[in-house]
């Protein structure tokens, strides 16, 4: 039995890593949001929300000084905060330092019990401006009683392979953490809808507020309809309640009751060669990652 998921996209400016009280300020904000929205089960913050740099700071220096292992002091505080407030917490992405010294732009997820249940490393840093190492694994996690959720970070949304794989792994909802201060947020809003439509998956894209981003956070349903939206760059909270089984209904019966993108192949059809990837689409594997109720 599944129940609707109440979520808050917290569109706010980044907290600066150089400030000694950054995590205290973040904890206070999470408490504020949960008090204002006591029914919320999932809180979602923008990319690099607690690792921001000021305009007069060197981003590379901030990245180096802010990077910690996921289970370091910052991770312990974030886990404790999720447990204290009793919510699923996606605190934005953070700079993660791996054992080999590489630094990743990583989105951790904490359960209401204070357990880190997932961590996704951004696959497509915005080159040449971003210099973090590239992740290499598509990440989904289960929210018992609600559904399966996938993770992407900002520029990842421009690469259709990311959302396609998350949907193929059974994601009902994709969370896209963004820090876009540039005019191409207009295109990102198109991509949020397009990724939802062509993969029949809900998308929640949260951007930073000014001056770190231009806002316009959005929630899109599995048929590409905008359900909730911030129409400006000001700090605000976008709320919605999603039935994550909707993605499975759309995959089974089709977008607008017609289009079934997970059923394009006939029995025995040979694989489609993909020269760009040096690989192929195998019809036998096309739907195998989807939940049973999402198959036809």
C-alpha atoms as a PDB file:
ATOM      1  CA  UNK A   1       0.000   0.000   0.000  1.00  0.00           C
ATOM      2  CA  UNK A   2       1.402   3.385  -0.989  1.00  0.00           C
ATOM      3  CA  UNK A   3       0.442   6.833   0.205  1.00  0.00           C
ATOM      4  CA  UNK A   4       0.906  10.296  -1.344  1.00  0.00           C
ATOM      5  CA  UNK A   5       4.240  12.024  -0.781  1.00  0.00           C
ATOM      6  CA  UNK A   6       4.210  15.576   0.573  1.00  0.00           C
ATOM      7  CA  UNK A   7       7.358  17.420  -0.436  1.00  0.00           C
ATOM      8  CA  UNK A   8       8.918  20.866  -0.067  1.00  0.00           C
ATOM      9  CA  UNK A   9      11.324  22.327  -2.622  1.00  0.00           C
ATOM     10  CA  UNK A  10      13.206  24.894  -0.550  1.00  0.00           C
ATOM     11  CA  UNK A  11      14.265  27.563  -3.041  1.00  0.00           C
ATOM     12  CA  UNK A  12      16.795  29.595  -1.089  1.00  0.00           C
ATOM     13  CA  UNK A  13      20.200  31.190  -1.436  1.00  0.00           C
ATOM     14  CA  UNK A  14      23.296  29.149  -0.680  1.00  0.00           C
ATOM     15  CA  UNK A  15      24.846  29.101   2.768  1.00  0.00           C
ATOM     16  CA  UNK A  16      28.519  30.040   2.645  1.00  0.00           C
ATOM     17  CA  UNK A  17      30.996  27.395   3.696  1.00  0.00           C
ATOM     18  CA  UNK A  18      33.372  30.003   5.104  1.00  0.00           C
ATOM     19  CA  UNK A  19      30.836  30.982   7.765  1.00  0.00           C
ATOM     20  CA  UNK A  20      31.487  28.993  10.951  1.00  0.00           C
ATOM     21  CA  UNK A  21      27.775  28.757  11.721  1.00  0.00           C
ATOM     22  CA  UNK A  22      26.670  27.434   8.316  1.00  0.00           C
ATOM     23  CA  UNK A  23      25.341  24.103   9.594  1.00  0.00           C
ATOM     24  CA  UNK A  24      23.655  25.814  12.535  1.00  0.00           C
ATOM     25  CA  UNK A  25      21.873  28.109  10.094  1.00  0.00           C
ATOM     26  CA  UNK A  26      20.906  25.153   7.915  1.00  0.00           C
ATOM     27  CA  UNK A  27      19.531  23.229  10.893  1.00  0.00           C
ATOM     28  CA  UNK A  28      17.489  26.262  11.913  1.00  0.00           C
ATOM     29  CA  UNK A  29      16.052  26.489   8.398  1.00  0.00           C
ATOM     30  CA  UNK A  30      15.095  22.813   8.295  1.00  0.00           C
ATOM     31  CA  UNK A  31      13.333  23.230  11.629  1.00  0.00           C
ATOM     32  CA  UNK A  32      11.565  26.325  10.304  1.00  0.00           C
ATOM     33  CA  UNK A  33      10.325  24.503   7.207  1.00  0.00           C
ATOM     34  CA  UNK A  34       9.126  21.469   9.141  1.00  0.00           C
ATOM     35  CA  UNK A  35       7.255  23.693  11.604  1.00  0.00           C
ATOM     36  CA  UNK A  36       5.612  25.606   8.767  1.00  0.00           C
ATOM     37  CA  UNK A  37       4.787  22.405   6.861  1.00  0.00           C
ATOM     38  CA  UNK A  38       4.259  19.722   9.507  1.00  0.00           C
ATOM     39  CA  UNK A  39       2.915  17.201   7.001  1.00  0.00           C
ATOM     40  CA  UNK A  40       5.965  17.329   4.733  1.00  0.00           C
ATOM     41  CA  UNK A  41       7.793  14.022   4.352  1.00  0.00           C
ATOM     42  CA  UNK A  42      10.586  15.116   1.966  1.00  0.00           C
ATOM     43  CA  UNK A  43      12.657  18.324   2.066  1.00  0.00           C
ATOM     44  CA  UNK A  44      14.769  19.141  -0.967  1.00  0.00           C
ATOM     45  CA  UNK A  45      17.440  21.877  -1.118  1.00  0.00           C
ATOM     46  CA  UNK A  46      19.456  23.211  -4.111  1.00  0.00           C
ATOM     47  CA  UNK A  47      22.856  22.134  -5.395  1.00  0.00           C
ATOM     48  CA  UNK A  48      25.829  22.964  -3.109  1.00  0.00           C
ATOM     49  CA  UNK A  49      23.480  24.620  -0.652  1.00  0.00           C
ATOM     50  CA  UNK A  50      25.756  24.312   2.391  1.00  0.00           C
ATOM     51  CA  UNK A  51      29.007  24.603   0.406  1.00  0.00           C
ATOM     52  CA  UNK A  52      28.484  27.920  -1.337  1.00  0.00           C
ATOM     53  CA  UNK A  53      31.164  30.466  -2.097  1.00  0.00           C
ATOM     54  CA  UNK A  54      30.834  34.232  -1.969  1.00  0.00           C
ATOM     55  CA  UNK A  55      31.294  36.282  -5.146  1.00  0.00           C
ATOM     56  CA  UNK A  56      34.711  37.426  -3.899  1.00  0.00           C
ATOM     57  CA  UNK A  57      35.900  33.892  -3.086  1.00  0.00           C
ATOM     58  CA  UNK A  58      37.791  31.512  -5.332  1.00  0.00           C
ATOM     59  CA  UNK A  59      35.487  28.541  -6.044  1.00  0.00           C
ATOM     60  CA  UNK A  60      38.428  26.134  -6.237  1.00  0.00           C
ATOM     61  CA  UNK A  61      39.671  27.143  -2.793  1.00  0.00           C
ATOM     62  CA  UNK A  62      36.189  26.801  -1.324  1.00  0.00           C
ATOM     63  CA  UNK A  63      35.795  23.378  -2.929  1.00  0.00           C
ATOM     64  CA  UNK A  64      39.097  22.192  -1.446  1.00  0.00           C
ATOM     65  CA  UNK A  65      38.344  23.484   2.037  1.00  0.00           C
ATOM     66  CA  UNK A  66      34.699  22.344   2.068  1.00  0.00           C
ATOM     67  CA  UNK A  67      35.290  18.782   0.875  1.00  0.00           C
ATOM     68  CA  UNK A  68      34.762  16.061   3.500  1.00  0.00           C
ATOM     69  CA  UNK A  69      34.126  12.323   3.443  1.00  0.00           C
ATOM     70  CA  UNK A  70      30.399  11.561   3.429  1.00  0.00           C
ATOM     71  CA  UNK A  71      30.636  10.107   6.925  1.00  0.00           C
ATOM     72  CA  UNK A  72      32.651  13.035   8.290  1.00  0.00           C
ATOM     73  CA  UNK A  73      31.465  15.610  10.842  1.00  0.00           C
ATOM     74  CA  UNK A  74      29.119  17.342   8.383  1.00  0.00           C
ATOM     75  CA  UNK A  75      27.491  14.065   7.403  1.00  0.00           C
ATOM     76  CA  UNK A  76      26.965  13.141  11.053  1.00  0.00           C
ATOM     77  CA  UNK A  77      25.206  16.469  11.710  1.00  0.00           C
ATOM     78  CA  UNK A  78      22.976  16.131   8.659  1.00  0.00           C
ATOM     79  CA  UNK A  79      21.982  12.602   9.650  1.00  0.00           C
ATOM     80  CA  UNK A  80      21.184  13.760  13.186  1.00  0.00           C
ATOM     81  CA  UNK A  81      19.104  16.635  11.795  1.00  0.00           C
ATOM     82  CA  UNK A  82      16.999  14.272   9.669  1.00  0.00           C
ATOM     83  CA  UNK A  83      16.435  12.071  12.709  1.00  0.00           C
ATOM     84  CA  UNK A  84      15.530  15.059  14.902  1.00  0.00           C
ATOM     85  CA  UNK A  85      12.993  16.474  12.444  1.00  0.00           C
ATOM     86  CA  UNK A  86      11.644  13.120  11.283  1.00  0.00           C
ATOM     87  CA  UNK A  87      11.811  13.889   7.553  1.00  0.00           C
ATOM     88  CA  UNK A  88      13.495  12.546   4.454  1.00  0.00           C
ATOM     89  CA  UNK A  89      16.219  15.139   3.964  1.00  0.00           C
ATOM     90  CA  UNK A  90      18.075  15.965   0.752  1.00  0.00           C
ATOM     91  CA  UNK A  91      20.271  18.867   1.954  1.00  0.00           C
ATOM     92  CA  UNK A  92      21.345  19.826  -1.550  1.00  0.00           C
ATOM     93  CA  UNK A  93      24.638  18.488  -2.834  1.00  0.00           C
ATOM     94  CA  UNK A  94      27.918  18.809  -0.968  1.00  0.00           C
ATOM     95  CA  UNK A  95      31.602  18.536  -1.801  1.00  0.00           C
ATOM     96  CA  UNK A  96      32.656  14.972  -1.028  1.00  0.00           C
ATOM     97  CA  UNK A  97      36.318  13.981  -0.687  1.00  0.00           C
ATOM     98  CA  UNK A  98      36.919  10.357  -1.603  1.00  0.00           C
ATOM     99  CA  UNK A  99      39.610   8.143  -0.105  1.00  0.00           C
ATOM    100  CA  UNK A 100      41.847   8.763  -3.124  1.00  0.00           C
ATOM    101  CA  UNK A 101      41.585  12.560  -2.705  1.00  0.00           C
ATOM    102  CA  UNK A 102      39.172  13.125  -5.616  1.00  0.00           C
ATOM    103  CA  UNK A 103      36.405  15.641  -4.913  1.00  0.00           C
ATOM    104  CA  UNK A 104      32.846  15.001  -6.099  1.00  0.00           C
ATOM    105  CA  UNK A 105      29.679  17.070  -6.180  1.00  0.00           C
ATOM    106  CA  UNK A 106      27.492  14.624  -4.262  1.00  0.00           C
ATOM    107  CA  UNK A 107      23.844  14.572  -3.213  1.00  0.00           C
ATOM    108  CA  UNK A 108      23.266  12.558  -0.026  1.00  0.00           C
ATOM    109  CA  UNK A 109      19.835  11.440   1.183  1.00  0.00           C
ATOM    110  CA  UNK A 110      18.955  10.881   4.848  1.00  0.00           C
ATOM    111  CA  UNK A 111      15.959   8.945   6.131  1.00  0.00           C
ATOM    112  CA  UNK A 112      13.764  10.046   9.085  1.00  0.00           C
ATOM    113  CA  UNK A 113      15.722   7.513  11.156  1.00  0.00           C
ATOM    114  CA  UNK A 114      18.941   9.416  10.492  1.00  0.00           C
ATOM    115  CA  UNK A 115      20.419   6.875   8.081  1.00  0.00           C
ATOM    116  CA  UNK A 116      22.170   7.916   4.891  1.00  0.00           C
ATOM    117  CA  UNK A 117      20.273   5.777   2.393  1.00  0.00           C
ATOM    118  CA  UNK A 118      21.772   7.085  -0.865  1.00  0.00           C
ATOM    119  CA  UNK A 119      24.476   9.322  -2.294  1.00  0.00           C
ATOM    120  CA  UNK A 120      24.722  10.383  -5.920  1.00  0.00           C
ATOM    121  CA  UNK A 121      27.852  11.870  -7.521  1.00  0.00           C
ATOM    122  CA  UNK A 122      27.175  14.355 -10.326  1.00  0.00           C
ATOM    123  CA  UNK A 123      28.004  12.664 -13.617  1.00  0.00           C
ATOM    124  CA  UNK A 124      28.159  15.775 -15.786  1.00  0.00           C
ATOM    125  CA  UNK A 125      29.957  18.697 -14.128  1.00  0.00           C
ATOM    126  CA  UNK A 126      29.454  21.894 -16.124  1.00  0.00           C
ATOM    127  CA  UNK A 127      32.788  21.978 -17.948  1.00  0.00           C
ATOM    128  CA  UNK A 128      35.002  23.968 -18.036  1.00  0.00           C
ATOM    129  CA  UNK A 129      33.562  25.950 -15.126  1.00  0.00           C
ATOM    130  CA  UNK A 130      33.221  23.048 -12.695  1.00  0.00           C
ATOM    131  CA  UNK A 131      36.220  20.884 -11.890  1.00  0.00           C
ATOM    132  CA  UNK A 132      34.832  18.198  -9.599  1.00  0.00           C
ATOM    133  CA  UNK A 133      35.422  14.583 -10.592  1.00  0.00           C
ATOM    134  CA  UNK A 134      32.636  12.885 -12.545  1.00  0.00           C
ATOM    135  CA  UNK A 135      30.445  10.262 -10.922  1.00  0.00           C
ATOM    136  CA  UNK A 136      29.812   6.961 -12.685  1.00  0.00           C
ATOM    137  CA  UNK A 137      26.716   5.418 -11.097  1.00  0.00           C
ATOM    138  CA  UNK A 138      22.989   6.061 -11.517  1.00  0.00           C
ATOM    139  CA  UNK A 139      21.346   6.167  -8.085  1.00  0.00           C
ATOM    140  CA  UNK A 140      17.803   5.415  -6.965  1.00  0.00           C
ATOM    141  CA  UNK A 141      16.462   4.793  -3.474  1.00  0.00           C
ATOM    142  CA  UNK A 142      13.199   3.509  -2.043  1.00  0.00           C
ATOM    143  CA  UNK A 143      10.886   5.514   0.205  1.00  0.00           C
ATOM    144  CA  UNK A 144       8.823   2.776   1.868  1.00  0.00           C
ATOM    145  CA  UNK A 145       5.127   3.478   1.573  1.00  0.00           C
ATOM    146  CA  UNK A 146       5.655   6.007  -1.234  1.00  0.00           C
ATOM    147  CA  UNK A 147       7.783   4.752  -4.130  1.00  0.00           C
ATOM    148  CA  UNK A 148      11.215   4.851  -5.724  1.00  0.00           C
ATOM    149  CA  UNK A 149      13.173   8.075  -6.236  1.00  0.00           C
ATOM    150  CA  UNK A 150      16.132   8.898  -8.498  1.00  0.00           C
ATOM    151  CA  UNK A 151      18.759  11.624  -8.158  1.00  0.00           C
ATOM    152  CA  UNK A 152      20.386  14.041 -10.609  1.00  0.00           C
ATOM    153  CA  UNK A 153      22.290  17.294 -10.188  1.00  0.00           C
ATOM    154  CA  UNK A 154      21.820  20.388 -12.353  1.00  0.00           C
ATOM    155  CA  UNK A 155      23.587  19.861 -15.717  1.00  0.00           C
ATOM    156  CA  UNK A 156      22.786  16.129 -15.596  1.00  0.00           C
ATOM    157  CA  UNK A 157      19.291  17.064 -16.773  1.00  0.00           C
ATOM    158  CA  UNK A 158      20.731  18.104 -20.154  1.00  0.00           C
ATOM    159  CA  UNK A 159      21.813  14.514 -20.858  1.00  0.00           C
ATOM    160  CA  UNK A 160      18.801  12.291 -21.577  1.00  0.00           C
ATOM    161  CA  UNK A 161      20.696   9.147 -20.654  1.00  0.00           C
ATOM    162  CA  UNK A 162      20.592  10.127 -16.972  1.00  0.00           C
ATOM    163  CA  UNK A 163      16.838  10.389 -16.511  1.00  0.00           C
ATOM    164  CA  UNK A 164      16.274   7.442 -18.859  1.00  0.00           C
ATOM    165  CA  UNK A 165      18.415   5.170 -16.700  1.00  0.00           C
ATOM    166  CA  UNK A 166      16.770   6.351 -13.484  1.00  0.00           C
ATOM    167  CA  UNK A 167      13.342   5.615 -14.946  1.00  0.00           C
ATOM    168  CA  UNK A 168      14.600   2.264 -16.239  1.00  0.00           C
ATOM    169  CA  UNK A 169      15.700   1.489 -12.675  1.00  0.00           C
ATOM    170  CA  UNK A 170      12.099   2.036 -11.594  1.00  0.00           C
ATOM    171  CA  UNK A 171      12.200   5.640 -10.364  1.00  0.00           C
ATOM    172  CA  UNK A 172       8.725   7.140  -9.954  1.00  0.00           C
ATOM    173  CA  UNK A 173      10.181  10.585  -9.202  1.00  0.00           C
ATOM    174  CA  UNK A 174      13.494  12.218 -10.169  1.00  0.00           C
ATOM    175  CA  UNK A 175      14.921  14.917  -7.899  1.00  0.00           C
ATOM    176  CA  UNK A 176      17.086  17.409  -9.781  1.00  0.00           C
ATOM    177  CA  UNK A 177      19.188  19.690  -7.535  1.00  0.00           C
ATOM    178  CA  UNK A 178      20.122  22.914  -9.307  1.00  0.00           C
ATOM    179  CA  UNK A 179      22.246  26.031  -8.829  1.00  0.00           C
ATOM    180  CA  UNK A 180      21.656  27.963 -12.038  1.00  0.00           C
ATOM    181  CA  UNK A 181      22.199  31.749 -11.992  1.00  0.00           C
ATOM    182  CA  UNK A 182      22.279  31.962 -15.807  1.00  0.00           C
ATOM    183  CA  UNK A 183      19.637  32.593 -18.464  1.00  0.00           C
ATOM    184  CA  UNK A 184      19.523  28.945 -19.544  1.00  0.00           C
ATOM    185  CA  UNK A 185      17.150  28.165 -16.694  1.00  0.00           C
ATOM    186  CA  UNK A 186      14.519  28.765 -19.370  1.00  0.00           C
ATOM    187  CA  UNK A 187      15.827  25.757 -21.263  1.00  0.00           C
ATOM    188  CA  UNK A 188      16.093  23.708 -18.057  1.00  0.00           C
ATOM    189  CA  UNK A 189      12.371  24.138 -17.471  1.00  0.00           C
ATOM    190  CA  UNK A 190      11.733  22.716 -20.932  1.00  0.00           C
ATOM    191  CA  UNK A 191      14.064  19.818 -20.124  1.00  0.00           C
ATOM    192  CA  UNK A 192      12.250  19.097 -16.842  1.00  0.00           C
ATOM    193  CA  UNK A 193       9.032  18.630 -18.779  1.00  0.00           C
ATOM    194  CA  UNK A 194      10.693  16.767 -21.643  1.00  0.00           C
ATOM    195  CA  UNK A 195      12.498  14.343 -19.315  1.00  0.00           C
ATOM    196  CA  UNK A 196       9.210  13.695 -17.531  1.00  0.00           C
ATOM    197  CA  UNK A 197       7.335  13.087 -20.779  1.00  0.00           C
ATOM    198  CA  UNK A 198       9.788  10.831 -22.595  1.00  0.00           C
ATOM    199  CA  UNK A 199      10.452   8.719 -19.493  1.00  0.00           C
ATOM    200  CA  UNK A 200       6.973   8.853 -17.896  1.00  0.00           C
ATOM    201  CA  UNK A 201       8.393   9.890 -14.544  1.00  0.00           C
ATOM    202  CA  UNK A 202       7.667  12.825 -12.212  1.00  0.00           C
ATOM    203  CA  UNK A 203      10.423  15.458 -11.925  1.00  0.00           C
ATOM    204  CA  UNK A 204      11.080  17.921  -9.084  1.00  0.00           C
ATOM    205  CA  UNK A 205      13.724  20.504  -9.993  1.00  0.00           C
ATOM    206  CA  UNK A 206      14.771  22.870  -7.193  1.00  0.00           C
ATOM    207  CA  UNK A 207      16.991  25.856  -8.060  1.00  0.00           C
ATOM    208  CA  UNK A 208      18.755  28.270  -5.740  1.00  0.00           C
ATOM    209  CA  UNK A 209      17.247  31.683  -5.052  1.00  0.00           C
ATOM    210  CA  UNK A 210      18.990  34.939  -5.916  1.00  0.00           C
ATOM    211  CA  UNK A 211      21.825  35.846  -5.858  1.00  0.00           C
ATOM    212  CA  UNK A 212      23.065  32.252  -6.279  1.00  0.00           C
ATOM    213  CA  UNK A 213      20.370  31.196  -8.726  1.00  0.00           C
ATOM    214  CA  UNK A 214      17.388  32.536 -10.579  1.00  0.00           C
ATOM    215  CA  UNK A 215      14.862  30.261  -8.922  1.00  0.00           C
ATOM    216  CA  UNK A 216      11.903  29.012 -10.948  1.00  0.00           C
ATOM    217  CA  UNK A 217      11.795  25.679  -9.153  1.00  0.00           C
ATOM    218  CA  UNK A 218       9.210  23.327 -10.604  1.00  0.00           C
ATOM    219  CA  UNK A 219       7.328  20.051 -10.063  1.00  0.00           C
ATOM    220  CA  UNK A 220       6.240  18.155 -13.183  1.00  0.00           C
ATOM    221  CA  UNK A 221       3.992  15.090 -13.378  1.00  0.00           C
ATOM    222  CA  UNK A 222       4.764  11.945 -15.454  1.00  0.00           C
ATOM    223  CA  UNK A 223       2.790  13.339 -18.419  1.00  0.00           C
ATOM    224  CA  UNK A 224       4.724  16.610 -18.466  1.00  0.00           C
ATOM    225  CA  UNK A 225       2.180  18.871 -16.768  1.00  0.00           C
ATOM    226  CA  UNK A 226       3.540  21.523 -14.412  1.00  0.00           C
ATOM    227  CA  UNK A 227       1.964  20.914 -11.022  1.00  0.00           C
ATOM    228  CA  UNK A 228       3.727  23.559  -8.940  1.00  0.00           C
ATOM    229  CA  UNK A 229       6.160  26.331  -9.816  1.00  0.00           C
ATOM    230  CA  UNK A 230       8.091  29.266  -8.385  1.00  0.00           C
ATOM    231  CA  UNK A 231       7.687  32.051 -10.926  1.00  0.00           C
ATOM    232  CA  UNK A 232      10.487  34.239  -9.559  1.00  0.00           C
ATOM    233  CA  UNK A 233      14.008  34.108  -8.109  1.00  0.00           C
ATOM    234  CA  UNK A 234      12.990  35.051  -4.574  1.00  0.00           C
ATOM    235  CA  UNK A 235      13.407  32.713  -1.624  1.00  0.00           C
ATOM    236  CA  UNK A 236      10.283  30.594  -1.243  1.00  0.00           C
ATOM    237  CA  UNK A 237       9.030  27.071  -0.685  1.00  0.00           C
ATOM    238  CA  UNK A 238       7.319  25.152  -3.469  1.00  0.00           C
ATOM    239  CA  UNK A 239       5.019  22.494  -2.042  1.00  0.00           C
ATOM    240  CA  UNK A 240       3.167  19.595  -3.595  1.00  0.00           C
ATOM    241  CA  UNK A 241       1.706  16.198  -2.769  1.00  0.00           C
ATOM    242  CA  UNK A 242       2.544  13.503  -5.314  1.00  0.00           C
ATOM    243  CA  UNK A 243       1.049  10.078  -5.824  1.00  0.00           C
ATOM    244  CA  UNK A 244       4.131   8.228  -7.021  1.00  0.00           C
ATOM    245  CA  UNK A 245       2.043   5.402  -8.429  1.00  0.00           C
ATOM    246  CA  UNK A 246       1.047   7.814 -11.205  1.00  0.00           C
ATOM    247  CA  UNK A 247       4.250   7.032 -13.091  1.00  0.00           C
ATOM    248  CA  UNK A 248       3.348   3.348 -13.120  1.00  0.00           C
ATOM    249  CA  UNK A 249      -0.172   4.106 -14.334  1.00  0.00           C
ATOM    250  CA  UNK A 250       1.192   6.232 -17.191  1.00  0.00           C
ATOM    251  CA  UNK A 251       3.746   3.586 -18.161  1.00  0.00           C
ATOM    252  CA  UNK A 252       1.050   0.918 -18.196  1.00  0.00           C
ATOM    253  CA  UNK A 253      -1.742   2.793 -19.970  1.00  0.00           C
ATOM    254  CA  UNK A 254       0.243   5.435 -21.859  1.00  0.00           C
ATOM    255  CA  UNK A 255       0.674   9.206 -21.815  1.00  0.00           C
ATOM    256  CA  UNK A 256      -2.803  10.677 -22.409  1.00  0.00           C
ATOM    257  CA  UNK A 257      -3.945   7.050 -22.481  1.00  0.00           C
ATOM    258  CA  UNK A 258      -2.037   6.530 -25.745  1.00  0.00           C
ATOM    259  CA  UNK A 259       1.749   6.578 -25.845  1.00  0.00           C
ATOM    260  CA  UNK A 260       3.655   3.735 -24.208  1.00  0.00           C
ATOM    261  CA  UNK A 261       7.345   4.591 -24.489  1.00  0.00           C
ATOM    262  CA  UNK A 262       8.374   1.442 -22.654  1.00  0.00           C
ATOM    263  CA  UNK A 263       6.650  -0.788 -25.222  1.00  0.00           C
ATOM    264  CA  UNK A 264       8.152   0.180 -28.598  1.00  0.00           C
ATOM    265  CA  UNK A 265       9.489  -3.205 -29.656  1.00  0.00           C
ATOM    266  CA  UNK A 266       7.944  -6.245 -31.297  1.00  0.00           C
ATOM    267  CA  UNK A 267       8.646  -9.789 -30.157  1.00  0.00           C
ATOM    268  CA  UNK A 268      11.993 -11.043 -31.381  1.00  0.00           C
ATOM    269  CA  UNK A 269      13.132  -7.666 -32.700  1.00  0.00           C
ATOM    270  CA  UNK A 270      16.943  -7.525 -33.019  1.00  0.00           C
ATOM    271  CA  UNK A 271      18.931  -5.046 -30.934  1.00  0.00           C
ATOM    272  CA  UNK A 272      19.420  -1.491 -32.192  1.00  0.00           C
ATOM    273  CA  UNK A 273      23.080  -0.611 -32.592  1.00  0.00           C
ATOM    274  CA  UNK A 274      24.145   2.700 -30.996  1.00  0.00           C
ATOM    275  CA  UNK A 275      27.431   3.776 -32.627  1.00  0.00           C
ATOM    276  CA  UNK A 276      27.722   6.862 -30.398  1.00  0.00           C
ATOM    277  CA  UNK A 277      27.960   4.660 -27.305  1.00  0.00           C
ATOM    278  CA  UNK A 278      29.657   1.652 -28.806  1.00  0.00           C
ATOM    279  CA  UNK A 279      26.669  -0.275 -27.491  1.00  0.00           C
ATOM    280  CA  UNK A 280      23.064  -1.134 -28.251  1.00  0.00           C
ATOM    281  CA  UNK A 281      19.467  -1.063 -27.098  1.00  0.00           C
ATOM    282  CA  UNK A 282      18.463  -4.646 -26.449  1.00  0.00           C
ATOM    283  CA  UNK A 283      14.649  -5.017 -26.595  1.00  0.00           C
ATOM    284  CA  UNK A 284      14.896  -7.830 -24.062  1.00  0.00           C
ATOM    285  CA  UNK A 285      16.390  -5.422 -21.499  1.00  0.00           C
ATOM    286  CA  UNK A 286      14.326  -2.318 -22.307  1.00  0.00           C
ATOM    287  CA  UNK A 287      11.730  -2.731 -19.550  1.00  0.00           C
ATOM    288  CA  UNK A 288      13.334  -5.187 -17.181  1.00  0.00           C
ATOM    289  CA  UNK A 289      14.238  -2.635 -14.485  1.00  0.00           C
ATOM    290  CA  UNK A 290      10.703  -1.278 -14.146  1.00  0.00           C
ATOM    291  CA  UNK A 291       8.428  -2.392 -11.299  1.00  0.00           C
ATOM    292  CA  UNK A 292       5.955  -5.087 -12.370  1.00  0.00           C
ATOM    293  CA  UNK A 293       3.018  -2.642 -12.239  1.00  0.00           C
ATOM    294  CA  UNK A 294       4.876  -0.347 -14.622  1.00  0.00           C
ATOM    295  CA  UNK A 295       5.084  -3.042 -17.288  1.00  0.00           C
ATOM    296  CA  UNK A 296       2.394  -4.049 -19.728  1.00  0.00           C
END
